[in-house]
Amino acid sequence: MMPKNQSCVHSMAALTQGTHYNYTVLGHTLVRSVVRPSAREVAPIEKGEATFGIYVEDGVLFFLCNLGGHWTASHYNWWLNLPELRPDPAAELNAPDKSIPVAVRLMNAADAKIAAANTFRIPEEPAVILRQCVCDQIASALDPWDHLEIARKALGRAPSLGWMARKASWMACCRSVEPEESAFRDKIFVCRTV
């Protein structure tokens, strides 16, 4: 895990505010960038408490995250990754452990430094649904420009993304993964699967 107050983006003095989720051959990452994150925004990540979910609209997959009572979302498009970075979710559906570790970073947009970092594990059932949604997206070959227009409209529909969370395909409350633990399952609980 990267230490706090260290820049993880070399030669960047600032970042754009927002939330970005990505799924590549390197794994699952969620980066939330805000100007001068407050203690209230840092605490859930440091405590290892988060709620994740997915919402699909017109073939566009949105990865939802709630850290401390505020919903954020990021659209995901498998096709926008470089070909060598595109994962094979169908092959991962056959893996013995189907749960997904998600590396979460809260960044200070003002100076591009890490304010909080943790890794969370999405349980098997919602992880399988997430991978299946990506498989569906791959099969549909949605045009990237259409994808971006659908995402723009959905994310701009309301200032709060609570509406998206209420329509989510699944929701999972997750605890952080203790790196030294081999049996992490006691750290995870599913609060709602829709």
C-alpha atoms as a PDB file:
ATOM      1  CA  MET A   1       0.000   0.000   0.000  1.00  0.00           C
ATOM      2  CA  MET A   2       1.270   3.463  -0.814  1.00  0.00           C
ATOM      3  CA  PRO A   3       1.892   5.772   2.150  1.00  0.00           C
ATOM      4  CA  LYS A   4      -0.266   8.819   2.743  1.00  0.00           C
ATOM      5  CA  ASN A   5       0.883  12.196   1.410  1.00  0.00           C
ATOM      6  CA  GLN A   6       2.888  10.510  -1.332  1.00  0.00           C
ATOM      7  CA  SER A   7       2.137  11.388  -4.925  1.00  0.00           C
ATOM      8  CA  CYS A   8       1.156   8.355  -6.970  1.00  0.00           C
ATOM      9  CA  VAL A   9       1.003  10.380 -10.183  1.00  0.00           C
ATOM     10  CA  HIS A  10       4.493  11.439 -11.169  1.00  0.00           C
ATOM     11  CA  SER A  11       4.964  14.985 -12.503  1.00  0.00           C
ATOM     12  CA  MET A  12       1.363  15.969 -11.717  1.00  0.00           C
ATOM     13  CA  ALA A  13       0.765  19.026  -9.583  1.00  0.00           C
ATOM     14  CA  ALA A  14      -3.029  18.629  -9.449  1.00  0.00           C
ATOM     15  CA  LEU A  15      -5.813  16.253 -10.471  1.00  0.00           C
ATOM     16  CA  THR A  16      -9.305  16.709 -11.869  1.00  0.00           C
ATOM     17  CA  GLN A  17     -11.979  16.117  -9.239  1.00  0.00           C
ATOM     18  CA  GLY A  18     -14.114  13.028  -9.675  1.00  0.00           C
ATOM     19  CA  THR A  19     -14.263   9.267  -9.387  1.00  0.00           C
ATOM     20  CA  HIS A  20     -12.607   6.801 -11.748  1.00  0.00           C
ATOM     21  CA  TYR A  21     -13.059   3.017 -11.706  1.00  0.00           C
ATOM     22  CA  ASN A  22     -11.021   0.742 -13.938  1.00  0.00           C
ATOM     23  CA  TYR A  23     -10.757  -3.003 -14.445  1.00  0.00           C
ATOM     24  CA  THR A  24      -7.715  -4.204 -16.362  1.00  0.00           C
ATOM     25  CA  VAL A  25      -5.368  -7.181 -16.332  1.00  0.00           C
ATOM     26  CA  LEU A  26      -3.720  -5.352 -13.412  1.00  0.00           C
ATOM     27  CA  GLY A  27      -6.906  -5.607 -11.313  1.00  0.00           C
ATOM     28  CA  HIS A  28      -9.714  -3.359 -10.111  1.00  0.00           C
ATOM     29  CA  THR A  29      -9.020   0.213  -8.996  1.00  0.00           C
ATOM     30  CA  LEU A  30     -11.177   3.063  -7.767  1.00  0.00           C
ATOM     31  CA  VAL A  31      -9.654   6.533  -7.452  1.00  0.00           C
ATOM     32  CA  ARG A  32     -11.657   9.348  -5.888  1.00  0.00           C
ATOM     33  CA  SER A  33     -10.115  12.789  -6.264  1.00  0.00           C
ATOM     34  CA  VAL A  34     -11.337  15.756  -4.189  1.00  0.00           C
ATOM     35  CA  VAL A  35      -9.744  19.039  -3.188  1.00  0.00           C
ATOM     36  CA  ARG A  36      -8.355  18.761   0.352  1.00  0.00           C
ATOM     37  CA  PRO A  37     -10.238  15.641   1.539  1.00  0.00           C
ATOM     38  CA  SER A  38     -11.817  16.068   4.977  1.00  0.00           C
ATOM     39  CA  ALA A  39     -11.367  13.707   7.931  1.00  0.00           C
ATOM     40  CA  ARG A  40     -14.948  12.552   7.257  1.00  0.00           C
ATOM     41  CA  GLU A  41     -13.913  11.488   3.724  1.00  0.00           C
ATOM     42  CA  VAL A  42     -10.699   9.813   4.869  1.00  0.00           C
ATOM     43  CA  ALA A  43     -12.162   7.896   7.848  1.00  0.00           C
ATOM     44  CA  PRO A  44     -14.220   5.228   6.009  1.00  0.00           C
ATOM     45  CA  ILE A  45     -11.254   4.273   3.849  1.00  0.00           C
ATOM     46  CA  GLU A  46      -8.911   4.067   6.827  1.00  0.00           C
ATOM     47  CA  LYS A  47     -11.527   2.123   8.823  1.00  0.00           C
ATOM     48  CA  GLY A  48     -12.001  -0.205   5.866  1.00  0.00           C
ATOM     49  CA  GLU A  49     -15.725   0.392   5.351  1.00  0.00           C
ATOM     50  CA  ALA A  50     -17.269   0.875   1.915  1.00  0.00           C
ATOM     51  CA  THR A  51     -20.351  -0.048  -0.064  1.00  0.00           C
ATOM     52  CA  PHE A  52     -20.000  -0.922  -3.731  1.00  0.00           C
ATOM     53  CA  GLY A  53     -22.575  -1.610  -6.407  1.00  0.00           C
ATOM     54  CA  ILE A  54     -23.217  -1.700 -10.123  1.00  0.00           C
ATOM     55  CA  TYR A  55     -25.862  -0.082 -12.251  1.00  0.00           C
ATOM     56  CA  VAL A  56     -26.337  -0.693 -15.975  1.00  0.00           C
ATOM     57  CA  GLU A  57     -28.128   1.730 -18.302  1.00  0.00           C
ATOM     58  CA  ASP A  58     -28.379   1.093 -22.045  1.00  0.00           C
ATOM     59  CA  GLY A  59     -25.374  -1.237 -21.928  1.00  0.00           C
ATOM     60  CA  VAL A  60     -23.183   1.180 -19.965  1.00  0.00           C
ATOM     61  CA  LEU A  61     -21.812  -0.201 -16.692  1.00  0.00           C
ATOM     62  CA  PHE A  62     -21.508   2.176 -13.720  1.00  0.00           C
ATOM     63  CA  PHE A  63     -19.418   1.184 -10.698  1.00  0.00           C
ATOM     64  CA  LEU A  64     -20.925   2.749  -7.559  1.00  0.00           C
ATOM     65  CA  CYS A  65     -19.132   3.501  -4.309  1.00  0.00           C
ATOM     66  CA  ASN A  66     -20.293   4.916  -1.010  1.00  0.00           C
ATOM     67  CA  LEU A  67     -17.564   6.043   1.348  1.00  0.00           C
ATOM     68  CA  GLY A  68     -19.021   7.728   4.407  1.00  0.00           C
ATOM     69  CA  GLY A  69     -22.550   8.435   3.206  1.00  0.00           C
ATOM     70  CA  HIS A  70     -21.824   9.974  -0.207  1.00  0.00           C
ATOM     71  CA  TRP A  71     -22.487   8.030  -3.422  1.00  0.00           C
ATOM     72  CA  THR A  72     -20.118   8.382  -6.338  1.00  0.00           C
ATOM     73  CA  ALA A  73     -20.122   6.548  -9.655  1.00  0.00           C
ATOM     74  CA  SER A  74     -17.796   5.945 -12.548  1.00  0.00           C
ATOM     75  CA  HIS A  75     -18.731   4.490 -15.900  1.00  0.00           C
ATOM     76  CA  TYR A  76     -16.616   1.621 -17.194  1.00  0.00           C
ATOM     77  CA  ASN A  77     -15.952   0.623 -20.798  1.00  0.00           C
ATOM     78  CA  TRP A  78     -13.801  -2.430 -21.460  1.00  0.00           C
ATOM     79  CA  TRP A  79     -13.200  -1.215 -25.011  1.00  0.00           C
ATOM     80  CA  LEU A  80     -11.491   2.023 -23.857  1.00  0.00           C
ATOM     81  CA  ASN A  81      -8.572   0.122 -22.306  1.00  0.00           C
ATOM     82  CA  LEU A  82      -5.523  -0.616 -24.440  1.00  0.00           C
ATOM     83  CA  PRO A  83      -5.889  -4.096 -25.988  1.00  0.00           C
ATOM     84  CA  GLU A  84      -3.034  -5.524 -23.885  1.00  0.00           C
ATOM     85  CA  LEU A  85      -4.723  -4.244 -20.692  1.00  0.00           C
ATOM     86  CA  ARG A  86      -8.190  -5.671 -21.390  1.00  0.00           C
ATOM     87  CA  PRO A  87      -9.032  -8.408 -18.869  1.00  0.00           C
ATOM     88  CA  ASP A  88     -10.814 -11.663 -19.694  1.00  0.00           C
ATOM     89  CA  PRO A  89     -13.796 -11.678 -17.318  1.00  0.00           C
ATOM     90  CA  ALA A  90     -15.123 -14.932 -18.815  1.00  0.00           C
ATOM     91  CA  ALA A  91     -11.941 -16.771 -17.787  1.00  0.00           C
ATOM     92  CA  GLU A  92     -12.124 -15.177 -14.312  1.00  0.00           C
ATOM     93  CA  LEU A  93     -15.659 -16.569 -13.912  1.00  0.00           C
ATOM     94  CA  ASN A  94     -14.042 -20.037 -13.782  1.00  0.00           C
ATOM     95  CA  ALA A  95     -11.437 -19.124 -11.147  1.00  0.00           C
ATOM     96  CA  PRO A  96     -11.673 -20.977  -7.806  1.00  0.00           C
ATOM     97  CA  ASP A  97     -11.891 -17.690  -5.867  1.00  0.00           C
ATOM     98  CA  LYS A  98     -14.327 -15.406  -7.648  1.00  0.00           C
ATOM     99  CA  SER A  99     -14.191 -12.527  -5.142  1.00  0.00           C
ATOM    100  CA  ILE A 100     -12.629  -9.273  -6.331  1.00  0.00           C
ATOM    101  CA  PRO A 101     -10.061  -7.105  -4.528  1.00  0.00           C
ATOM    102  CA  VAL A 102     -10.579  -3.407  -5.297  1.00  0.00           C
ATOM    103  CA  ALA A 103      -7.731  -0.966  -4.599  1.00  0.00           C
ATOM    104  CA  VAL A 104      -9.299   2.310  -3.408  1.00  0.00           C
ATOM    105  CA  ARG A 105      -7.361   5.573  -3.340  1.00  0.00           C
ATOM    106  CA  LEU A 106      -8.634   8.919  -2.069  1.00  0.00           C
ATOM    107  CA  MET A 107      -6.513  11.609  -3.677  1.00  0.00           C
ATOM    108  CA  ASN A 108      -6.098  15.269  -2.838  1.00  0.00           C
ATOM    109  CA  ALA A 109      -6.879  16.900  -6.182  1.00  0.00           C
ATOM    110  CA  ALA A 110      -5.005  20.046  -5.141  1.00  0.00           C
ATOM    111  CA  ASP A 111      -1.583  18.351  -4.994  1.00  0.00           C
ATOM    112  CA  ALA A 112      -2.117  14.816  -6.455  1.00  0.00           C
ATOM    113  CA  LYS A 113      -1.143  13.177  -3.145  1.00  0.00           C
ATOM    114  CA  ILE A 114      -2.771  10.186  -1.480  1.00  0.00           C
ATOM    115  CA  ALA A 115      -5.039  11.100   1.438  1.00  0.00           C
ATOM    116  CA  ALA A 116      -6.161   7.519   2.172  1.00  0.00           C
ATOM    117  CA  ALA A 117      -5.709   4.087   0.631  1.00  0.00           C
ATOM    118  CA  ASN A 118      -7.087   0.634   1.288  1.00  0.00           C
ATOM    119  CA  THR A 119      -8.023  -2.560  -0.499  1.00  0.00           C
ATOM    120  CA  PHE A 120     -11.541  -3.951  -0.241  1.00  0.00           C
ATOM    121  CA  ARG A 121     -12.851  -7.339  -1.341  1.00  0.00           C
ATOM    122  CA  ILE A 122     -16.165  -7.733  -3.165  1.00  0.00           C
ATOM    123  CA  PRO A 123     -17.742 -11.109  -2.267  1.00  0.00           C
ATOM    124  CA  GLU A 124     -18.172 -13.858  -4.855  1.00  0.00           C
ATOM    125  CA  GLU A 125     -21.848 -13.448  -5.770  1.00  0.00           C
ATOM    126  CA  PRO A 126     -21.712  -9.741  -6.683  1.00  0.00           C
ATOM    127  CA  ALA A 127     -18.241 -10.236  -8.206  1.00  0.00           C
ATOM    128  CA  VAL A 128     -19.680 -12.820 -10.599  1.00  0.00           C
ATOM    129  CA  ILE A 129     -22.483 -10.388 -11.551  1.00  0.00           C
ATOM    130  CA  LEU A 130     -19.916  -7.626 -12.201  1.00  0.00           C
ATOM    131  CA  ARG A 131     -17.839  -9.857 -14.463  1.00  0.00           C
ATOM    132  CA  GLN A 132     -20.968 -11.046 -16.295  1.00  0.00           C
ATOM    133  CA  CYS A 133     -21.951  -7.408 -16.924  1.00  0.00           C
ATOM    134  CA  VAL A 134     -18.499  -6.798 -18.424  1.00  0.00           C
ATOM    135  CA  CYS A 135     -18.914  -9.923 -20.589  1.00  0.00           C
ATOM    136  CA  ASP A 136     -22.259  -8.537 -21.790  1.00  0.00           C
ATOM    137  CA  GLN A 137     -20.607  -5.188 -22.544  1.00  0.00           C
ATOM    138  CA  ILE A 138     -17.865  -6.908 -24.574  1.00  0.00           C
ATOM    139  CA  ALA A 139     -20.464  -8.851 -26.575  1.00  0.00           C
ATOM    140  CA  SER A 140     -22.449  -5.703 -27.358  1.00  0.00           C
ATOM    141  CA  ALA A 141     -19.462  -3.739 -28.740  1.00  0.00           C
ATOM    142  CA  LEU A 142     -21.091  -0.438 -27.752  1.00  0.00           C
ATOM    143  CA  ASP A 143     -19.621   2.482 -29.706  1.00  0.00           C
ATOM    144  CA  PRO A 144     -17.323   4.498 -27.363  1.00  0.00           C
ATOM    145  CA  TRP A 145     -18.944   7.803 -28.353  1.00  0.00           C
ATOM    146  CA  ASP A 146     -22.429   6.429 -27.638  1.00  0.00           C
ATOM    147  CA  HIS A 147     -21.102   5.047 -24.358  1.00  0.00           C
ATOM    148  CA  LEU A 148     -19.781   8.449 -23.301  1.00  0.00           C
ATOM    149  CA  GLU A 149     -23.041  10.195 -24.206  1.00  0.00           C
ATOM    150  CA  ILE A 150     -25.124   7.694 -22.189  1.00  0.00           C
ATOM    151  CA  ALA A 151     -22.701   8.070 -19.238  1.00  0.00           C
ATOM    152  CA  ARG A 152     -22.786  11.877 -19.420  1.00  0.00           C
ATOM    153  CA  LYS A 153     -26.589  11.941 -19.373  1.00  0.00           C
ATOM    154  CA  ALA A 154     -26.887   9.410 -16.539  1.00  0.00           C
ATOM    155  CA  LEU A 155     -24.270  11.060 -14.316  1.00  0.00           C
ATOM    156  CA  GLY A 156     -25.760  14.509 -14.963  1.00  0.00           C
ATOM    157  CA  ARG A 157     -29.347  13.491 -14.215  1.00  0.00           C
ATOM    158  CA  ALA A 158     -29.247  14.592 -10.568  1.00  0.00           C
ATOM    159  CA  PRO A 159     -26.641  16.107  -8.227  1.00  0.00           C
ATOM    160  CA  SER A 160     -26.971  13.134  -5.868  1.00  0.00           C
ATOM    161  CA  LEU A 161     -26.397   9.649  -7.241  1.00  0.00           C
ATOM    162  CA  GLY A 162     -28.684   8.051  -4.661  1.00  0.00           C
ATOM    163  CA  TRP A 163     -31.168   7.359  -7.477  1.00  0.00           C
ATOM    164  CA  MET A 164     -28.555   5.212  -9.195  1.00  0.00           C
ATOM    165  CA  ALA A 165     -27.827   3.287  -5.983  1.00  0.00           C
ATOM    166  CA  ARG A 166     -31.566   2.586  -5.533  1.00  0.00           C
ATOM    167  CA  LYS A 167     -31.668   1.037  -9.024  1.00  0.00           C
ATOM    168  CA  ALA A 168     -28.393  -0.890  -8.647  1.00  0.00           C
ATOM    169  CA  SER A 169     -28.170  -4.508  -9.779  1.00  0.00           C
ATOM    170  CA  TRP A 170     -26.407  -5.372  -6.539  1.00  0.00           C
ATOM    171  CA  MET A 171     -24.995  -3.690  -3.498  1.00  0.00           C
ATOM    172  CA  ALA A 172     -22.318  -5.114  -1.185  1.00  0.00           C
ATOM    173  CA  CYS A 173     -20.961  -3.651   2.041  1.00  0.00           C
ATOM    174  CA  CYS A 174     -17.305  -4.579   2.184  1.00  0.00           C
ATOM    175  CA  ARG A 175     -14.555  -4.508   4.746  1.00  0.00           C
ATOM    176  CA  SER A 176     -10.927  -3.991   3.900  1.00  0.00           C
ATOM    177  CA  VAL A 177      -8.641  -6.896   3.182  1.00  0.00           C
ATOM    178  CA  GLU A 178      -5.988  -7.481   5.786  1.00  0.00           C
ATOM    179  CA  PRO A 179      -2.893  -8.245   3.667  1.00  0.00           C
ATOM    180  CA  GLU A 180      -1.408 -10.596   6.250  1.00  0.00           C
ATOM    181  CA  GLU A 181      -4.636 -12.609   6.560  1.00  0.00           C
ATOM    182  CA  SER A 182      -5.087 -15.669   4.429  1.00  0.00           C
ATOM    183  CA  ALA A 183      -8.710 -16.189   5.499  1.00  0.00           C
ATOM    184  CA  PHE A 184     -10.232 -12.796   4.714  1.00  0.00           C
ATOM    185  CA  ARG A 185     -13.835 -13.983   4.454  1.00  0.00           C
ATOM    186  CA  ASP A 186     -14.679 -13.094   8.057  1.00  0.00           C
ATOM    187  CA  LYS A 187     -13.959  -9.452   7.156  1.00  0.00           C
ATOM    188  CA  ILE A 188     -16.703  -9.376   4.517  1.00  0.00           C
ATOM    189  CA  PHE A 189     -20.457  -9.214   4.696  1.00  0.00           C
ATOM    190  CA  VAL A 190     -23.105  -8.636   2.073  1.00  0.00           C
ATOM    191  CA  CYS A 191     -25.764  -6.259   3.242  1.00  0.00           C
ATOM    192  CA  ARG A 192     -28.003  -6.389   0.200  1.00  0.00           C
ATOM    193  CA  THR A 193     -28.061  -8.193  -3.087  1.00  0.00           C
ATOM    194  CA  VAL A 194     -30.790  -6.930  -5.363  1.00  0.00           C
END
